[in-house]
Amino acid sequence: MPSARITVEGLDLVRRNLRNVDKALPRGLSRIHKEVAGPVADQARRNVRSRTGRLARSIQPGGTQRAATVTAGARLRPYNYARINHYGGYPGRYGGNPFLTQALAVEKTETVRLYDRLLFDFVEKVWVDS
C-alpha cells in the first residue's frame, strides 16, 4: 500500500518551547494580571471619596492565573464601608460613588494594550530560539 511521509523540521523545538511556556505560565499570568490591575487601582484611589484616606489606602491590585482583580476595603476594621461607598446605601441619603467601575472605564483601553504587551513579552522571554 502506498504511503507518504511528511517531516516537519523544527517541530521538536516548538514542542520544547511549548513545554517551557506551560511550566512558566501559572506564575507568569499571576504576575501579569497583578501588573495590569495596578493602573486601575491607582485610578480608583484617585476617584474614591474618603475622608480619612483609609479606604483609598485599602485599594489593592491583585492577580491570579485566571483574573486581574482590584479589591477595596478588605482590611478595614471594624466595618468595611467600601461596598456602601461604591454602590450607595441608606435610601435617599447616599447615592454611591462607583469608583471601581469608573476606574475600569477610564483605564480600559490602556489596560488592554498593557495586557497585550505584557503577554507578548512573557512569551518572548520564555520562548527559546535555537
C-alpha atoms as a PDB file:
ATOM      1  CA  MET A   1       0.000   0.000   0.000  1.00  0.00           C
ATOM      2  CA  PRO A   2       1.491   3.374  -0.961  1.00  0.00           C
ATOM      3  CA  SER A   3       2.209   5.838   1.832  1.00  0.00           C
ATOM      4  CA  ALA A   4       3.622   9.306   2.125  1.00  0.00           C
ATOM      5  CA  ARG A   5       5.696  10.757   4.898  1.00  0.00           C
ATOM      6  CA  ILE A   6       5.908  14.416   5.776  1.00  0.00           C
ATOM      7  CA  THR A   7       8.639  15.631   8.065  1.00  0.00           C
ATOM      8  CA  VAL A   8       8.255  18.957   9.790  1.00  0.00           C
ATOM      9  CA  GLU A   9      11.618  20.440  10.609  1.00  0.00           C
ATOM     10  CA  GLY A  10      11.820  22.335  13.879  1.00  0.00           C
ATOM     11  CA  LEU A  11       8.806  20.611  15.430  1.00  0.00           C
ATOM     12  CA  ASP A  12      10.886  19.343  18.350  1.00  0.00           C
ATOM     13  CA  LEU A  13      11.927  22.911  19.125  1.00  0.00           C
ATOM     14  CA  VAL A  14       8.303  24.052  19.050  1.00  0.00           C
ATOM     15  CA  ARG A  15       7.268  21.231  21.396  1.00  0.00           C
ATOM     16  CA  ARG A  16      10.113  22.013  23.805  1.00  0.00           C
ATOM     17  CA  ASN A  17       9.242  25.722  23.833  1.00  0.00           C
ATOM     18  CA  LEU A  18       5.570  24.988  24.406  1.00  0.00           C
ATOM     19  CA  ARG A  19       6.587  22.927  27.455  1.00  0.00           C
ATOM     20  CA  ASN A  20       8.664  25.898  28.704  1.00  0.00           C
ATOM     21  CA  VAL A  21       5.703  28.214  28.268  1.00  0.00           C
ATOM     22  CA  ASP A  22       3.423  25.705  30.001  1.00  0.00           C
ATOM     23  CA  LYS A  23       5.720  25.491  33.050  1.00  0.00           C
ATOM     24  CA  ALA A  24       6.137  29.253  33.393  1.00  0.00           C
ATOM     25  CA  LEU A  25       2.546  30.183  32.577  1.00  0.00           C
ATOM     26  CA  PRO A  26       0.869  29.958  36.026  1.00  0.00           C
ATOM     27  CA  ARG A  27       3.262  32.321  37.810  1.00  0.00           C
ATOM     28  CA  GLY A  28       3.658  34.459  34.711  1.00  0.00           C
ATOM     29  CA  LEU A  29      -0.087  35.021  34.369  1.00  0.00           C
ATOM     30  CA  SER A  30      -0.451  35.878  38.062  1.00  0.00           C
ATOM     31  CA  ARG A  31       2.313  38.473  37.761  1.00  0.00           C
ATOM     32  CA  ILE A  32       0.884  39.888  34.522  1.00  0.00           C
ATOM     33  CA  HIS A  33      -2.631  40.126  35.969  1.00  0.00           C
ATOM     34  CA  LYS A  34      -1.416  41.941  39.078  1.00  0.00           C
ATOM     35  CA  GLU A  35       0.572  44.383  36.932  1.00  0.00           C
ATOM     36  CA  VAL A  36      -2.449  45.013  34.678  1.00  0.00           C
ATOM     37  CA  ALA A  37      -4.639  45.700  37.726  1.00  0.00           C
ATOM     38  CA  GLY A  38      -2.180  48.326  39.025  1.00  0.00           C
ATOM     39  CA  PRO A  39      -3.258  51.297  36.869  1.00  0.00           C
ATOM     40  CA  VAL A  40      -6.940  50.539  37.548  1.00  0.00           C
ATOM     41  CA  ALA A  41      -6.244  50.501  41.306  1.00  0.00           C
ATOM     42  CA  ASP A  42      -4.355  53.804  41.019  1.00  0.00           C
ATOM     43  CA  GLN A  43      -7.271  55.389  39.165  1.00  0.00           C
ATOM     44  CA  ALA A  44      -9.740  54.015  41.734  1.00  0.00           C
ATOM     45  CA  ARG A  45      -7.678  55.578  44.549  1.00  0.00           C
ATOM     46  CA  ARG A  46      -7.997  58.946  42.813  1.00  0.00           C
ATOM     47  CA  ASN A  47     -11.782  58.514  42.318  1.00  0.00           C
ATOM     48  CA  VAL A  48     -12.804  57.303  45.779  1.00  0.00           C
ATOM     49  CA  ARG A  49     -14.458  59.589  48.309  1.00  0.00           C
ATOM     50  CA  SER A  50     -12.636  59.066  51.559  1.00  0.00           C
ATOM     51  CA  ARG A  51     -12.493  61.483  54.486  1.00  0.00           C
ATOM     52  CA  THR A  52      -9.559  59.876  56.263  1.00  0.00           C
ATOM     53  CA  GLY A  53      -7.876  58.192  53.307  1.00  0.00           C
ATOM     54  CA  ARG A  54      -8.207  54.711  54.853  1.00  0.00           C
ATOM     55  CA  LEU A  55     -10.493  53.462  52.080  1.00  0.00           C
ATOM     56  CA  ALA A  56      -8.207  54.840  49.363  1.00  0.00           C
ATOM     57  CA  ARG A  57      -5.192  53.154  51.004  1.00  0.00           C
ATOM     58  CA  SER A  58      -7.081  49.853  51.160  1.00  0.00           C
ATOM     59  CA  ILE A  59      -7.470  49.654  47.350  1.00  0.00           C
ATOM     60  CA  GLN A  60      -5.048  46.985  46.144  1.00  0.00           C
ATOM     61  CA  PRO A  61      -4.330  45.337  42.779  1.00  0.00           C
ATOM     62  CA  GLY A  62      -4.192  41.569  42.680  1.00  0.00           C
ATOM     63  CA  GLY A  63      -3.722  38.801  40.192  1.00  0.00           C
ATOM     64  CA  THR A  64      -4.399  35.104  39.893  1.00  0.00           C
ATOM     65  CA  GLN A  65      -3.869  32.754  36.995  1.00  0.00           C
ATOM     66  CA  ARG A  66      -7.381  33.491  35.775  1.00  0.00           C
ATOM     67  CA  ALA A  67      -8.052  37.140  36.542  1.00  0.00           C
ATOM     68  CA  ALA A  68      -6.803  40.575  37.388  1.00  0.00           C
ATOM     69  CA  THR A  69      -8.534  41.955  40.477  1.00  0.00           C
ATOM     70  CA  VAL A  70      -8.819  45.207  42.381  1.00  0.00           C
ATOM     71  CA  THR A  71     -10.070  44.973  45.957  1.00  0.00           C
ATOM     72  CA  ALA A  72     -11.197  47.755  48.251  1.00  0.00           C
ATOM     73  CA  GLY A  73     -11.777  47.770  51.973  1.00  0.00           C
ATOM     74  CA  ALA A  74     -10.564  44.251  52.663  1.00  0.00           C
ATOM     75  CA  ARG A  75      -8.648  45.251  55.809  1.00  0.00           C
ATOM     76  CA  LEU A  76     -10.911  47.975  57.146  1.00  0.00           C
ATOM     77  CA  ARG A  77     -11.933  47.245  60.726  1.00  0.00           C
ATOM     78  CA  PRO A  78     -14.377  47.164  62.416  1.00  0.00           C
ATOM     79  CA  TYR A  79     -16.613  47.905  59.423  1.00  0.00           C
ATOM     80  CA  ASN A  80     -15.920  47.602  55.734  1.00  0.00           C
ATOM     81  CA  TYR A  81     -17.765  50.544  54.169  1.00  0.00           C
ATOM     82  CA  ALA A  82     -16.289  50.130  50.660  1.00  0.00           C
ATOM     83  CA  ARG A  83     -19.466  48.484  49.321  1.00  0.00           C
ATOM     84  CA  ILE A  84     -21.706  51.298  50.575  1.00  0.00           C
ATOM     85  CA  ASN A  85     -19.259  53.905  49.268  1.00  0.00           C
ATOM     86  CA  HIS A  86     -19.247  52.237  45.834  1.00  0.00           C
ATOM     87  CA  TYR A  87     -22.886  51.166  45.376  1.00  0.00           C
ATOM     88  CA  GLY A  88     -24.657  53.561  47.693  1.00  0.00           C
ATOM     89  CA  GLY A  89     -26.878  52.835  50.599  1.00  0.00           C
ATOM     90  CA  TYR A  90     -29.268  54.285  53.044  1.00  0.00           C
ATOM     91  CA  PRO A  91     -32.016  55.124  50.517  1.00  0.00           C
ATOM     92  CA  GLY A  92     -32.339  58.827  49.927  1.00  0.00           C
ATOM     93  CA  ARG A  93     -29.163  59.635  51.822  1.00  0.00           C
ATOM     94  CA  TYR A  94     -26.225  58.353  49.794  1.00  0.00           C
ATOM     95  CA  GLY A  95     -26.275  57.592  46.082  1.00  0.00           C
ATOM     96  CA  GLY A  96     -22.888  55.956  45.904  1.00  0.00           C
ATOM     97  CA  ASN A  97     -19.660  56.640  44.094  1.00  0.00           C
ATOM     98  CA  PRO A  98     -18.818  53.787  41.697  1.00  0.00           C
ATOM     99  CA  PHE A  99     -15.082  54.452  41.944  1.00  0.00           C
ATOM    100  CA  LEU A 100     -14.036  50.949  40.856  1.00  0.00           C
ATOM    101  CA  THR A 101     -16.230  50.741  37.751  1.00  0.00           C
ATOM    102  CA  GLN A 102     -15.331  54.321  36.804  1.00  0.00           C
ATOM    103  CA  ALA A 103     -11.638  53.489  37.136  1.00  0.00           C
ATOM    104  CA  LEU A 104     -12.035  50.473  34.874  1.00  0.00           C
ATOM    105  CA  ALA A 105     -13.930  52.541  32.297  1.00  0.00           C
ATOM    106  CA  VAL A 106     -11.190  55.196  32.280  1.00  0.00           C
ATOM    107  CA  GLU A 107      -8.330  52.687  32.069  1.00  0.00           C
ATOM    108  CA  LYS A 108      -9.979  50.080  29.795  1.00  0.00           C
ATOM    109  CA  THR A 109      -8.174  50.846  26.545  1.00  0.00           C
ATOM    110  CA  GLU A 110      -4.787  51.257  28.196  1.00  0.00           C
ATOM    111  CA  THR A 111      -5.337  48.101  30.256  1.00  0.00           C
ATOM    112  CA  VAL A 112      -5.991  46.039  27.125  1.00  0.00           C
ATOM    113  CA  ARG A 113      -2.845  47.446  25.490  1.00  0.00           C
ATOM    114  CA  LEU A 114      -0.760  46.753  28.594  1.00  0.00           C
ATOM    115  CA  TYR A 115      -2.113  43.200  28.871  1.00  0.00           C
ATOM    116  CA  ASP A 116      -1.316  42.516  25.227  1.00  0.00           C
ATOM    117  CA  ARG A 117       2.226  43.861  25.581  1.00  0.00           C
ATOM    118  CA  LEU A 118       2.961  42.003  28.831  1.00  0.00           C
ATOM    119  CA  LEU A 119       1.651  38.710  27.472  1.00  0.00           C
ATOM    120  CA  PHE A 120       3.696  39.105  24.294  1.00  0.00           C
ATOM    121  CA  ASP A 121       6.827  39.980  26.324  1.00  0.00           C
ATOM    122  CA  PHE A 122       6.250  36.950  28.553  1.00  0.00           C
ATOM    123  CA  VAL A 123       6.067  34.552  25.597  1.00  0.00           C
ATOM    124  CA  GLU A 124       9.118  36.198  24.006  1.00  0.00           C
ATOM    125  CA  LYS A 125      11.076  35.743  27.244  1.00  0.00           C
ATOM    126  CA  VAL A 126      10.078  32.112  27.765  1.00  0.00           C
ATOM    127  CA  TRP A 127      10.348  31.071  24.117  1.00  0.00           C
ATOM    128  CA  VAL A 128      13.915  29.978  23.337  1.00  0.00           C
ATOM    129  CA  ASP A 129      15.100  30.107  19.738  1.00  0.00           C
ATOM    130  CA  SER A 130      17.722  27.535  18.877  1.00  0.00           C
END
